[in-house]
C-alpha atoms as a PDB file:
ATOM      1  CA  MET A   1      24.262   7.362  -8.697  1.00  0.00           C
ATOM      2  CA  ARG A   2      21.384   8.896  -6.761  1.00  0.00           C
ATOM      3  CA  PRO A   3      18.349  10.267  -8.648  1.00  0.00           C
ATOM      4  CA  TRP A   4      18.243  13.982  -9.357  1.00  0.00           C
ATOM      5  CA  SER A   5      15.728  14.506  -6.568  1.00  0.00           C
ATOM      6  CA  LEU A   6      18.288  13.419  -3.949  1.00  0.00           C
ATOM      7  CA  MET A   7      21.184  15.437  -5.305  1.00  0.00           C
ATOM      8  CA  ARG A   8      19.613  18.487  -3.730  1.00  0.00           C
ATOM      9  CA  ASN A   9      18.914  19.007  -0.041  1.00  0.00           C
ATOM     10  CA  PRO A  10      16.409  16.499   1.378  1.00  0.00           C
ATOM     11  CA  PRO A  11      12.827  17.760   1.115  1.00  0.00           C
ATOM     12  CA  VAL A  12      11.552  19.805   4.030  1.00  0.00           C
ATOM     13  CA  ARG A  13       9.205  17.728   6.160  1.00  0.00           C
ATOM     14  CA  HIS A  14       6.292  19.863   7.253  1.00  0.00           C
ATOM     15  CA  MET A  15       2.804  19.376   8.566  1.00  0.00           C
ATOM     16  CA  ALA A  16       0.112  18.883   5.973  1.00  0.00           C
ATOM     17  CA  THR A  17      -2.379  21.646   5.360  1.00  0.00           C
ATOM     18  CA  ARG A  18      -5.708  20.025   6.115  1.00  0.00           C
ATOM     19  CA  ALA A  19      -9.136  21.077   4.974  1.00  0.00           C
ATOM     20  CA  SER A  20     -11.631  21.852   7.730  1.00  0.00           C
ATOM     21  CA  LYS A  21     -13.740  18.848   6.782  1.00  0.00           C
ATOM     22  CA  GLY A  22     -12.327  15.520   7.869  1.00  0.00           C
ATOM     23  CA  ALA A  23      -9.389  17.093   9.691  1.00  0.00           C
ATOM     24  CA  GLY A  24      -9.528  14.313  12.295  1.00  0.00           C
ATOM     25  CA  MET A  25      -9.394  11.456   9.803  1.00  0.00           C
ATOM     26  CA  LYS A  26      -6.009   9.978   8.925  1.00  0.00           C
ATOM     27  CA  VAL A  27      -5.462   9.118   5.266  1.00  0.00           C
ATOM     28  CA  ILE A  28      -2.881   6.407   4.619  1.00  0.00           C
ATOM     29  CA  LEU A  29      -1.698   5.421   1.153  1.00  0.00           C
ATOM     30  CA  HIS A  30      -0.485   1.827   0.936  1.00  0.00           C
ATOM     31  CA  ILE A  31       1.352   1.831  -2.386  1.00  0.00           C
ATOM     32  CA  GLY A  32       2.726  -1.710  -2.524  1.00  0.00           C
ATOM     33  CA  ALA A  33       5.212  -2.438  -3.950  1.00  0.00           C
ATOM     34  CA  HIS A  34       4.112  -5.201  -6.285  1.00  0.00           C
ATOM     35  CA  ARG A  35       5.149  -8.741  -5.310  1.00  0.00           C
ATOM     36  CA  THR A  36       5.024  -7.868  -1.588  1.00  0.00           C
ATOM     37  CA  ALA A  37       1.598  -9.373  -0.756  1.00  0.00           C
ATOM     38  CA  SER A  38      -0.526  -6.297  -1.509  1.00  0.00           C
ATOM     39  CA  THR A  39      -3.296  -8.522  -2.875  1.00  0.00           C
ATOM     40  CA  SER A  40      -3.272 -10.536   0.353  1.00  0.00           C
ATOM     41  CA  LEU A  41      -3.611  -7.341   2.400  1.00  0.00           C
ATOM     42  CA  GLN A  42      -6.559  -6.201   0.300  1.00  0.00           C
ATOM     43  CA  SER A  43      -8.239  -9.594   0.664  1.00  0.00           C
ATOM     44  CA  TYR A  44      -7.658  -9.483   4.411  1.00  0.00           C
ATOM     45  CA  MET A  45      -9.313  -6.077   4.700  1.00  0.00           C
ATOM     46  CA  ARG A  46     -12.339  -7.269   2.734  1.00  0.00           C
ATOM     47  CA  ARG A  47     -12.728 -10.338   4.976  1.00  0.00           C
ATOM     48  CA  HIS A  48     -12.646  -8.189   8.111  1.00  0.00           C
ATOM     49  CA  ARG A  49     -14.600  -5.235   6.746  1.00  0.00           C
ATOM     50  CA  ASP A  50     -17.172  -5.167   9.568  1.00  0.00           C
ATOM     51  CA  GLU A  51     -14.626  -5.509  12.366  1.00  0.00           C
ATOM     52  CA  LEU A  52     -12.489  -2.773  10.846  1.00  0.00           C
ATOM     53  CA  ARG A  53     -15.497  -0.501  10.456  1.00  0.00           C
ATOM     54  CA  ASN A  54     -16.306  -0.939  14.150  1.00  0.00           C
ATOM     55  CA  ALA A  55     -12.726   0.086  14.933  1.00  0.00           C
ATOM     56  CA  GLY A  56     -13.051   3.236  12.816  1.00  0.00           C
ATOM     57  CA  ILE A  57     -10.938   1.898   9.947  1.00  0.00           C
ATOM     58  CA  ALA A  58     -12.157   2.048   6.337  1.00  0.00           C
ATOM     59  CA  PHE A  59     -10.330   1.133   3.170  1.00  0.00           C
ATOM     60  CA  TRP A  60     -10.343   1.761  -0.540  1.00  0.00           C
ATOM     61  CA  ALA A  61      -8.879  -1.111  -2.550  1.00  0.00           C
ATOM     62  CA  PRO A  62      -8.606  -1.783  -6.317  1.00  0.00           C
ATOM     63  CA  ARG A  63     -12.239  -2.871  -6.569  1.00  0.00           C
ATOM     64  CA  ARG A  64     -13.068   0.756  -5.813  1.00  0.00           C
ATOM     65  CA  THR A  65     -10.068   2.735  -6.983  1.00  0.00           C
ATOM     66  CA  ARG A  66      -9.943   1.085 -10.426  1.00  0.00           C
ATOM     67  CA  THR A  67     -13.667   1.382 -11.170  1.00  0.00           C
ATOM     68  CA  GLY A  68     -13.794   5.114 -11.742  1.00  0.00           C
ATOM     69  CA  LEU A  69     -12.593   6.763  -8.535  1.00  0.00           C
ATOM     70  CA  PHE A  70      -9.048   7.360  -9.788  1.00  0.00           C
ATOM     71  CA  ASN A  71      -9.945   8.022 -13.432  1.00  0.00           C
ATOM     72  CA  GLY A  72      -8.091  11.059 -14.698  1.00  0.00           C
ATOM     73  CA  ILE A  73      -5.356  11.286 -12.083  1.00  0.00           C
ATOM     74  CA  GLN A  74      -2.770   9.952 -14.511  1.00  0.00           C
ATOM     75  CA  PRO A  75      -2.754  11.391 -18.054  1.00  0.00           C
ATOM     76  CA  THR A  76      -4.996   9.189 -20.176  1.00  0.00           C
ATOM     77  CA  PRO A  77      -5.784   9.698 -23.862  1.00  0.00           C
ATOM     78  CA  GLY A  78      -9.389  10.617 -24.452  1.00  0.00           C
ATOM     79  CA  LEU A  79     -10.274  11.857 -20.959  1.00  0.00           C
ATOM     80  CA  GLY A  80      -9.690  15.530 -21.678  1.00  0.00           C
ATOM     81  CA  ALA A  81      -7.902  18.335 -19.889  1.00  0.00           C
ATOM     82  CA  GLY A  82     -10.379  18.563 -17.008  1.00  0.00           C
ATOM     83  CA  ALA A  83     -10.126  14.911 -15.967  1.00  0.00           C
ATOM     84  CA  ALA A  84      -7.578  15.525 -13.204  1.00  0.00           C
ATOM     85  CA  ARG A  85      -9.678  18.341 -11.747  1.00  0.00           C
ATOM     86  CA  ARG A  86     -12.784  16.138 -11.738  1.00  0.00           C
ATOM     87  CA  ALA A  87     -10.840  13.314 -10.090  1.00  0.00           C
ATOM     88  CA  ARG A  88      -9.692  15.672  -7.355  1.00  0.00           C
ATOM     89  CA  GLY A  89     -13.252  16.801  -6.705  1.00  0.00           C
ATOM     90  CA  ARG A  90     -14.543  13.232  -6.722  1.00  0.00           C
ATOM     91  CA  ILE A  91     -11.906  12.081  -4.238  1.00  0.00           C
ATOM     92  CA  GLY A  92     -12.537  15.105  -2.015  1.00  0.00           C
ATOM     93  CA  MET A  93     -16.250  14.316  -1.787  1.00  0.00           C
ATOM     94  CA  ASN A  94     -15.510  10.707  -0.903  1.00  0.00           C
ATOM     95  CA  LEU A  95     -12.999  11.748   1.757  1.00  0.00           C
ATOM     96  CA  ASP A  96     -15.496  14.113   3.338  1.00  0.00           C
ATOM     97  CA  ARG A  97     -18.181  11.429   3.270  1.00  0.00           C
ATOM     98  CA  ALA A  98     -15.871   8.950   4.996  1.00  0.00           C
ATOM     99  CA  ALA A  99     -14.963  11.489   7.682  1.00  0.00           C
ATOM    100  CA  SER A 100     -18.626  12.361   8.292  1.00  0.00           C
ATOM    101  CA  ASN A 101     -19.327   8.648   8.762  1.00  0.00           C
ATOM    102  CA  GLY A 102     -16.889   8.512  11.661  1.00  0.00           C
ATOM    103  CA  VAL A 103     -13.900   6.972   9.913  1.00  0.00           C
ATOM    104  CA  GLN A 104     -10.749   7.540  11.934  1.00  0.00           C
ATOM    105  CA  SER A 105      -8.258   5.918   9.533  1.00  0.00           C
ATOM    106  CA  LEU A 106      -8.765   5.523   5.799  1.00  0.00           C
ATOM    107  CA  VAL A 107      -6.344   3.093   4.156  1.00  0.00           C
ATOM    108  CA  VAL A 108      -6.067   3.437   0.377  1.00  0.00           C
ATOM    109  CA  SER A 109      -4.323   0.339  -0.959  1.00  0.00           C
ATOM    110  CA  ASP A 110      -3.510   0.079  -4.660  1.00  0.00           C
ATOM    111  CA  GLU A 111      -0.041  -0.898  -5.829  1.00  0.00           C
ATOM    112  CA  ASN A 112      -0.738   0.401  -9.329  1.00  0.00           C
ATOM    113  CA  MET A 113      -0.546   3.954  -7.994  1.00  0.00           C
ATOM    114  CA  ILE A 114       3.232   3.722  -8.380  1.00  0.00           C
ATOM    115  CA  GLY A 115       3.438   1.955 -11.732  1.00  0.00           C
ATOM    116  CA  SER A 116       3.416  -1.653 -12.858  1.00  0.00           C
ATOM    117  CA  VAL A 117       5.544  -4.774 -13.071  1.00  0.00           C
ATOM    118  CA  ARG A 118       5.263  -4.477 -16.840  1.00  0.00           C
ATOM    119  CA  LEU A 119       6.889  -1.029 -16.805  1.00  0.00           C
ATOM    120  CA  ASN A 120       9.616  -2.183 -14.420  1.00  0.00           C
ATOM    121  CA  MET A 121      10.478  -5.086 -16.707  1.00  0.00           C
ATOM    122  CA  ARG A 122      10.437  -2.902 -19.802  1.00  0.00           C
ATOM    123  CA  ALA A 123      12.680  -0.302 -18.153  1.00  0.00           C
ATOM    124  CA  GLY A 124      14.837  -2.865 -16.349  1.00  0.00           C
ATOM    125  CA  GLN A 125      14.654  -0.849 -13.144  1.00  0.00           C
ATOM    126  CA  LEU A 126      12.436  -0.162 -10.149  1.00  0.00           C
ATOM    127  CA  TYR A 127       9.527   2.239 -10.727  1.00  0.00           C
ATOM    128  CA  PRO A 128      11.296   4.830 -12.858  1.00  0.00           C
ATOM    129  CA  ASP A 129       8.358   7.288 -12.843  1.00  0.00           C
ATOM    130  CA  ILE A 130       7.100   6.789  -9.283  1.00  0.00           C
ATOM    131  CA  GLY A 131       7.818  10.411  -8.333  1.00  0.00           C
ATOM    132  CA  GLN A 132       5.652  11.956 -11.046  1.00  0.00           C
ATOM    133  CA  ARG A 133       2.899   9.367 -10.615  1.00  0.00           C
ATOM    134  CA  LEU A 134       2.676   9.672  -6.852  1.00  0.00           C
ATOM    135  CA  ALA A 135       2.814  13.472  -6.947  1.00  0.00           C
ATOM    136  CA  ARG A 136      -0.361  13.433  -9.049  1.00  0.00           C
ATOM    137  CA  TYR A 137      -2.107  11.328  -6.398  1.00  0.00           C
ATOM    138  CA  VAL A 138      -0.948  13.665  -3.636  1.00  0.00           C
ATOM    139  CA  HIS A 139      -2.425  16.563  -5.604  1.00  0.00           C
ATOM    140  CA  ALA A 140      -5.651  14.616  -6.259  1.00  0.00           C
ATOM    141  CA  PHE A 141      -5.990  14.006  -2.501  1.00  0.00           C
ATOM    142  CA  ASP A 142      -5.535  17.751  -1.931  1.00  0.00           C
ATOM    143  CA  HIS A 143      -2.436  17.017   0.183  1.00  0.00           C
ATOM    144  CA  ARG A 144      -4.628  15.356   2.822  1.00  0.00           C
ATOM    145  CA  ILE A 145      -2.320  12.326   3.102  1.00  0.00           C
ATOM    146  CA  ASP A 146      -0.853  11.610   6.528  1.00  0.00           C
ATOM    147  CA  LYS A 147       1.209   8.524   5.804  1.00  0.00           C
ATOM    148  CA  VAL A 148       2.589   6.540   2.876  1.00  0.00           C
ATOM    149  CA  MET A 149       3.286   2.852   3.503  1.00  0.00           C
ATOM    150  CA  LEU A 150       5.739   1.048   1.229  1.00  0.00           C
ATOM    151  CA  SER A 151       6.751  -2.609   1.445  1.00  0.00           C
ATOM    152  CA  VAL A 152      10.155  -3.565   0.054  1.00  0.00           C
ATOM    153  CA  ARG A 153      11.647  -6.956  -0.678  1.00  0.00           C
ATOM    154  CA  GLY A 154      15.076  -8.449  -1.221  1.00  0.00           C
ATOM    155  CA  LEU A 155      15.998  -7.401  -4.744  1.00  0.00           C
ATOM    156  CA  ASP A 156      16.958 -10.892  -5.902  1.00  0.00           C
ATOM    157  CA  HIS A 157      13.613 -12.297  -4.803  1.00  0.00           C
ATOM    158  CA  TYR A 158      11.637  -9.259  -5.928  1.00  0.00           C
ATOM    159  CA  TRP A 159      12.987  -9.417  -9.469  1.00  0.00           C
ATOM    160  CA  ALA A 160      12.699 -13.217  -9.661  1.00  0.00           C
ATOM    161  CA  SER A 161       9.051 -12.983  -8.608  1.00  0.00           C
ATOM    162  CA  ALA A 162       8.344 -10.048 -10.928  1.00  0.00           C
ATOM    163  CA  ILE A 163       9.958 -11.724 -13.934  1.00  0.00           C
ATOM    164  CA  ALA A 164       8.147 -15.015 -13.279  1.00  0.00           C
ATOM    165  CA  PHE A 165       4.884 -13.087 -12.974  1.00  0.00           C
ATOM    166  CA  GLY A 166       5.599 -11.277 -16.237  1.00  0.00           C
ATOM    167  CA  VAL A 167       6.565 -14.427 -18.135  1.00  0.00           C
ATOM    168  CA  ALA A 168       3.337 -16.084 -17.002  1.00  0.00           C
ATOM    169  CA  ARG A 169       1.452 -13.169 -18.557  1.00  0.00           C
ATOM    170  CA  GLY A 170       3.118 -13.210 -21.935  1.00  0.00           C
ATOM    171  CA  HIS A 171       6.543 -11.621 -21.525  1.00  0.00           C
ATOM    172  CA  ALA A 172       9.508 -13.374 -23.069  1.00  0.00           C
ATOM    173  CA  VAL A 173      11.978 -15.090 -20.782  1.00  0.00           C
ATOM    174  CA  PRO A 174      14.841 -12.582 -20.399  1.00  0.00           C
ATOM    175  CA  ASN A 175      18.237 -13.704 -21.654  1.00  0.00           C
ATOM    176  CA  ALA A 176      21.445 -13.616 -19.627  1.00  0.00           C
ATOM    177  CA  ALA A 177      22.429 -10.147 -20.848  1.00  0.00           C
ATOM    178  CA  ARG A 178      19.045  -8.705 -19.880  1.00  0.00           C
ATOM    179  CA  CYS A 179      19.213 -10.296 -16.446  1.00  0.00           C
ATOM    180  CA  HIS A 180      22.720  -8.917 -15.948  1.00  0.00           C
ATOM    181  CA  ALA A 181      21.522  -5.409 -16.885  1.00  0.00           C
ATOM    182  CA  ILE A 182      18.669  -5.618 -14.376  1.00  0.00           C
ATOM    183  CA  ALA A 183      20.903  -6.953 -11.614  1.00  0.00           C
ATOM    184  CA  THR A 184      23.534  -4.255 -12.064  1.00  0.00           C
ATOM    185  CA  HIS A 185      21.209  -1.280 -12.542  1.00  0.00           C
ATOM    186  CA  PRO A 186      22.121   1.357  -9.934  1.00  0.00           C
ATOM    187  CA  ARG A 187      18.510   2.171  -8.988  1.00  0.00           C
ATOM    188  CA  THR A 188      17.471   0.453  -5.741  1.00  0.00           C
ATOM    189  CA  TRP A 189      14.772   0.848  -3.084  1.00  0.00           C
ATOM    190  CA  ARG A 190      16.712   3.792  -1.656  1.00  0.00           C
ATOM    191  CA  ASP A 191      16.066   5.732  -4.858  1.00  0.00           C
ATOM    192  CA  VAL A 192      12.402   4.696  -4.877  1.00  0.00           C
ATOM    193  CA  ILE A 193      11.976   5.868  -1.283  1.00  0.00           C
ATOM    194  CA  GLY A 194      13.685   9.173  -2.072  1.00  0.00           C
ATOM    195  CA  ASP A 195      11.285   9.783  -4.949  1.00  0.00           C
ATOM    196  CA  VAL A 196       8.299   8.935  -2.708  1.00  0.00           C
ATOM    197  CA  ALA A 197       9.494  11.413  -0.096  1.00  0.00           C
ATOM    198  CA  CYS A 198       9.857  14.127  -2.714  1.00  0.00           C
ATOM    199  CA  ALA A 199       6.381  13.462  -4.102  1.00  0.00           C
ATOM    200  CA  ALA A 200       4.698  13.471  -0.676  1.00  0.00           C
ATOM    201  CA  PRO A 201       6.710  15.916   1.462  1.00  0.00           C
ATOM    202  CA  SER A 202       3.872  16.427   3.970  1.00  0.00           C
ATOM    203  CA  ALA A 203       3.375  12.726   4.677  1.00  0.00           C
ATOM    204  CA  ARG A 204       5.197  10.359   6.968  1.00  0.00           C
ATOM    205  CA  ILE A 205       6.920   7.656   4.912  1.00  0.00           C
ATOM    206  CA  GLU A 206       7.061   4.224   6.542  1.00  0.00           C
ATOM    207  CA  VAL A 207       8.848   1.237   5.004  1.00  0.00           C
ATOM    208  CA  MET A 208       8.219  -2.384   5.983  1.00  0.00           C
ATOM    209  CA  PRO A 209      10.387  -5.260   4.716  1.00  0.00           C
ATOM    210  CA  PHE A 210       8.418  -8.063   3.110  1.00  0.00           C
ATOM    211  CA  GLU A 211      10.676 -10.508   4.958  1.00  0.00           C
ATOM    212  CA  VAL A 212       9.115  -9.302   8.228  1.00  0.00           C
ATOM    213  CA  SER A 213       5.473  -9.073   7.158  1.00  0.00           C
ATOM    214  CA  ALA A 214       5.251 -12.094   4.818  1.00  0.00           C
ATOM    215  CA  GLY A 215       2.026 -13.924   5.564  1.00  0.00           C
ATOM    216  CA  ARG A 216       0.996 -11.275   8.101  1.00  0.00           C
ATOM    217  CA  PRO A 217      -1.291  -8.735   6.378  1.00  0.00           C
ATOM    218  CA  GLU A 218      -2.593  -7.629   9.762  1.00  0.00           C
ATOM    219  CA  MET A 219       0.938  -6.495  10.610  1.00  0.00           C
ATOM    220  CA  ILE A 220       0.955  -4.092   7.672  1.00  0.00           C
ATOM    221  CA  LEU A 221      -2.478  -2.714   8.543  1.00  0.00           C
ATOM    222  CA  ARG A 222      -1.591  -2.326  12.215  1.00  0.00           C
ATOM    223  CA  ALA A 223       1.527  -0.377  11.263  1.00  0.00           C
ATOM    224  CA  ALA A 224      -0.436   1.747   8.799  1.00  0.00           C
ATOM    225  CA  SER A 225      -3.344   2.604  11.080  1.00  0.00           C
ATOM    226  CA  GLY A 226      -1.625   2.563  14.457  1.00  0.00           C
ATOM    227  CA  GLN A 227      -4.595   0.624  15.821  1.00  0.00           C
ATOM    228  CA  ALA A 228      -5.377  -2.926  16.912  1.00  0.00           C
ATOM    229  CA  VAL A 229      -6.725  -4.960  13.997  1.00  0.00           C
ATOM    230  CA  PRO A 230      -8.249  -8.435  13.575  1.00  0.00           C
ATOM    231  CA  SER A 231      -5.973 -11.456  13.429  1.00  0.00           C
ATOM    232  CA  ASP A 232      -6.201 -14.166  10.792  1.00  0.00           C
ATOM    233  CA  ALA A 233      -5.981 -17.797  11.885  1.00  0.00           C
ATOM    234  CA  VAL A 234      -4.823 -18.971   8.449  1.00  0.00           C
ATOM    235  CA  PRO A 235      -4.399 -16.020   6.094  1.00  0.00           C
ATOM    236  CA  ASP A 236      -4.767 -16.319   2.353  1.00  0.00           C
ATOM    237  CA  TRP A 237      -1.568 -15.962   0.334  1.00  0.00           C
ATOM    238  CA  LEU A 238      -2.690 -14.672  -3.007  1.00  0.00           C
ATOM    239  CA  ASN A 239      -1.097 -13.976  -6.383  1.00  0.00           C
ATOM    240  CA  ARG A 240       2.075 -15.912  -5.646  1.00  0.00           C
ATOM    241  CA  ALA A 241       4.732 -16.265  -8.312  1.00  0.00           C
ATOM    242  CA  PRO A 242       4.334 -19.365 -10.491  1.00  0.00           C
ATOM    243  CA  THR A 243       6.606 -22.325  -9.872  1.00  0.00           C
ATOM    244  CA  VAL A 244       9.084 -23.715 -12.398  1.00  0.00           C
ATOM    245  CA  SER A 245       6.711 -26.475 -13.454  1.00  0.00           C
ATOM    246  CA  HIS A 246       3.846 -24.006 -13.873  1.00  0.00           C
ATOM    247  CA  LEU A 247       5.983 -21.676 -15.961  1.00  0.00           C
ATOM    248  CA  ARG A 248       7.151 -24.517 -18.182  1.00  0.00           C
ATOM    249  CA  THR A 249       3.544 -25.544 -18.773  1.00  0.00           C
ATOM    250  CA  ILE A 250       2.628 -21.980 -19.706  1.00  0.00           C
ATOM    251  CA  LEU A 251       5.563 -21.685 -22.116  1.00  0.00           C
ATOM    252  CA  ALA A 252       4.763 -25.017 -23.747  1.00  0.00           C
ATOM    253  CA  ASP A 253       1.092 -24.087 -24.154  1.00  0.00           C
ATOM    254  CA  ARG A 254       2.005 -20.940 -26.062  1.00  0.00           C
ATOM    255  CA  GLY A 255       4.595 -22.657 -28.246  1.00  0.00           C
ATOM    256  CA  ASP A 256       7.740 -21.393 -26.509  1.00  0.00           C
ATOM    257  CA  ASP A 257      10.632 -23.475 -25.249  1.00  0.00           C
ATOM    258  CA  PRO A 258       9.703 -24.642 -21.730  1.00  0.00           C
ATOM    259  CA  MET A 259      13.357 -25.311 -20.919  1.00  0.00           C
ATOM    260  CA  ALA A 260      14.040 -21.582 -21.130  1.00  0.00           C
ATOM    261  CA  VAL A 261      13.029 -21.743 -17.476  1.00  0.00           C
ATOM    262  CA  SER A 262      15.966 -23.886 -16.458  1.00  0.00           C
ATOM    263  CA  ASP A 263      16.031 -24.289 -12.730  1.00  0.00           C
ATOM    264  CA  ALA A 264      15.742 -27.495 -10.758  1.00  0.00           C
ATOM    265  CA  THR A 265      14.178 -25.869  -7.694  1.00  0.00           C
ATOM    266  CA  GLY A 266      10.545 -25.075  -7.036  1.00  0.00           C
ATOM    267  CA  ARG A 267      11.001 -21.319  -7.370  1.00  0.00           C
ATOM    268  CA  TRP A 268      12.663 -20.004 -10.463  1.00  0.00           C
ATOM    269  CA  SER A 269      15.450 -17.462 -10.442  1.00  0.00           C
ATOM    270  CA  PRO A 270      16.597 -16.111 -13.813  1.00  0.00           C
ATOM    271  CA  PHE A 271      19.825 -14.776 -12.291  1.00  0.00           C
ATOM    272  CA  ASP A 272      23.179 -16.475 -12.001  1.00  0.00           C
ATOM    273  CA  ALA A 273      25.103 -16.616  -8.707  1.00  0.00           C
ATOM    274  CA  ALA A 274      27.039 -13.393  -9.370  1.00  0.00           C
ATOM    275  CA  ALA A 275      23.891 -11.437 -10.224  1.00  0.00           C
ATOM    276  CA  ARG A 276      22.090 -12.731  -7.132  1.00  0.00           C
ATOM    277  CA  ALA A 277      25.041 -11.722  -4.966  1.00  0.00           C
ATOM    278  CA  HIS A 278      25.025  -8.218  -6.480  1.00  0.00           C
ATOM    279  CA  LEU A 279      21.289  -7.817  -5.822  1.00  0.00           C
ATOM    280  CA  ARG A 280      21.613  -9.052  -2.252  1.00  0.00           C
ATOM    281  CA  GLU A 281      24.453  -6.649  -1.564  1.00  0.00           C
ATOM    282  CA  ALA A 282      22.425  -3.739  -2.944  1.00  0.00           C
ATOM    283  CA  TYR A 283      19.469  -4.668  -0.734  1.00  0.00           C
ATOM    284  CA  ALA A 284      21.740  -4.940   2.298  1.00  0.00           C
ATOM    285  CA  ASP A 285      22.979  -1.410   1.567  1.00  0.00           C
ATOM    286  CA  ASP A 286      19.368  -0.208   1.391  1.00  0.00           C
ATOM    287  CA  MET A 287      18.593  -1.800   4.752  1.00  0.00           C
ATOM    288  CA  HIS A 288      21.663  -0.247   6.364  1.00  0.00           C
ATOM    289  CA  TRP A 289      20.541   3.136   5.042  1.00  0.00           C
ATOM    290  CA  LEU A 290      17.039   2.651   6.422  1.00  0.00           C
ATOM    291  CA  VAL A 291      18.283   1.463   9.817  1.00  0.00           C
ATOM    292  CA  ALA A 292      20.564   4.511   9.979  1.00  0.00           C
ATOM    293  CA  GLY A 293      17.580   6.836   9.547  1.00  0.00           C
ATOM    294  CA  ALA A 294      17.213   7.099   5.758  1.00  0.00           C
ATOM    295  CA  ASP A 295      18.480  10.699   5.791  1.00  0.00           C
ATOM    296  CA  GLY A 296      15.285  11.685   7.593  1.00  0.00           C
ATOM    297  CA  LEU A 297      13.130  10.729   4.615  1.00  0.00           C
ATOM    298  CA  ALA A 298      11.511   7.555   5.921  1.00  0.00           C
ATOM    299  CA  THR A 299      11.077   5.306   8.944  1.00  0.00           C
ATOM    300  CA  LEU A 300      11.818   1.592   8.910  1.00  0.00           C
ATOM    301  CA  THR A 301       8.880  -0.224  10.507  1.00  0.00           C
ATOM    302  CA  GLU A 302      10.456  -3.553  11.289  1.00  0.00           C
ATOM    303  CA  GLU A 303       9.798  -4.663  14.843  1.00  0.00           C
ATOM    304  CA  LEU A 304       6.227  -4.458  16.061  1.00  0.00           C
ATOM    305  CA  ASP A 305       4.778  -5.849  19.256  1.00  0.00           C
ATOM    306  CA  HIS A 306       3.861  -9.325  18.024  1.00  0.00           C
ATOM    307  CA  ARG A 307       2.438 -10.250  21.407  1.00  0.00           C
ATOM    308  CA  ARG A 308      -0.327  -7.664  21.293  1.00  0.00           C
ATOM    309  CA  ALA A 309      -3.715  -9.213  20.574  1.00  0.00           C
ATOM    310  CA  GLY A 310      -5.823  -7.828  17.785  1.00  0.00           C
ATOM    311  CA  ILE A 311      -9.519  -7.039  17.844  1.00  0.00           C
ATOM    312  CA  THR A 312     -10.224 -10.755  17.616  1.00  0.00           C
ATOM    313  CA  PRO A 313      -7.667 -13.326  18.790  1.00  0.00           C
ATOM    314  CA  PRO A 314      -6.493 -16.084  16.440  1.00  0.00           C
ATOM    315  CA  ARG A 315      -8.783 -19.092  16.313  1.00  0.00           C
ATOM    316  CA  GLY A 316      -6.056 -21.578  15.480  1.00  0.00           C
ATOM    317  CA  PRO A 317      -2.403 -21.997  14.566  1.00  0.00           C
ATOM    318  CA  GLN A 318      -0.924 -19.995  11.767  1.00  0.00           C
ATOM    319  CA  THR A 319       0.642 -22.210   9.125  1.00  0.00           C
ATOM    320  CA  ARG A 320       2.885 -21.655   6.150  1.00  0.00           C
ATOM    321  CA  GLY A 321       3.008 -24.174   3.364  1.00  0.00           C
ATOM    322  CA  GLN A 322       6.127 -24.897   1.361  1.00  0.00           C
ATOM    323  CA  GLY A 323       4.334 -23.684  -1.755  1.00  0.00           C
ATOM    324  CA  HIS A 324       4.158 -20.176  -0.398  1.00  0.00           C
ATOM    325  CA  ASP A 325       6.322 -17.545  -1.969  1.00  0.00           C
ATOM    326  CA  ILE A 326       8.433 -16.738   1.117  1.00  0.00           C
ATOM    327  CA  GLU A 327      11.925 -17.725   0.202  1.00  0.00           C
ATOM    328  CA  GLU A 328      13.419 -14.908   2.212  1.00  0.00           C
ATOM    329  CA  ARG A 329      12.670 -14.190   5.846  1.00  0.00           C
ATOM    330  CA  ARG A 330      11.378  14.178  -3.021  1.00  0.00           C
ATOM    331  CA  MET A 331      10.939  16.883  -5.837  1.00  0.00           C
ATOM    332  CA  ALA A 332       8.231  15.736  -8.318  1.00  0.00           C
ATOM    333  CA  HIS A 333       5.164  17.762  -9.292  1.00  0.00           C
ATOM    334  CA  PRO A 334       1.823  16.880 -10.858  1.00  0.00           C
ATOM    335  CA  CYS A 335       1.522  17.679 -14.518  1.00  0.00           C
END
């Protein structure tokens, strides 16, 4: 069943109302999702900061957004009623400063804007409050957002990676009934994308499959900015899901049964064959919907010109180790 936001007519796509200051600067929100190499993208942008600046591209990543810039956008006990208003003013000043410094494209990358892996695991579904959360960010940016970039991933691999990540950080290993409930939950990426479109009706929504961009953070940034960007000879792959042996060590160290992670392969999947098949079928349906036009809500960014050189050409071959985690190749309002 589709979320309530999609039971009505699709949201009207209209041009954003832009403030006079910074009207020529594009603002792109890269919202993740988690477990789709967001950390690698942020690391890539830091490594190439100077080259990107020369190309007119600036970025805000968690080292900036989570150290005060976004304080007050989401309701937080103790911040007071005026926190959201102050956050909006603070962001507006920073946007104007970036525009006055000649920034052509500002990429704001923080996957926590849409929620957390912890919340997804607790709810047993994908980003249940993404619409309300993202609408608050759109309001805080004074509707000056041109594009929202979302990466999606095969649901069987997404949930396996998310659950492994959660178990490594203290969550219990889910039992068979819990895994079955997650696998059969009707909410998929299509619902997430619909909620994003409702929350940001003035922005272009672009979706990139993780299977296409895995190990290629420059591909995501090129799609987001629409500009040539630096190439990485051997990119860093950060924050990968722990392996079976790593998870068993973690469980043993905290006094839990290490054999609760019972899989003979290097990458753990908590799902049985039937659950994996269900998740794969749901993801295939999502991809068919995106390829067919996503009801006008979003654009699938899947095939880019891989032959185009970036600002700096690669200095060596790109490699992918077997240890890398690449097994697979709108109406909400702020309140």
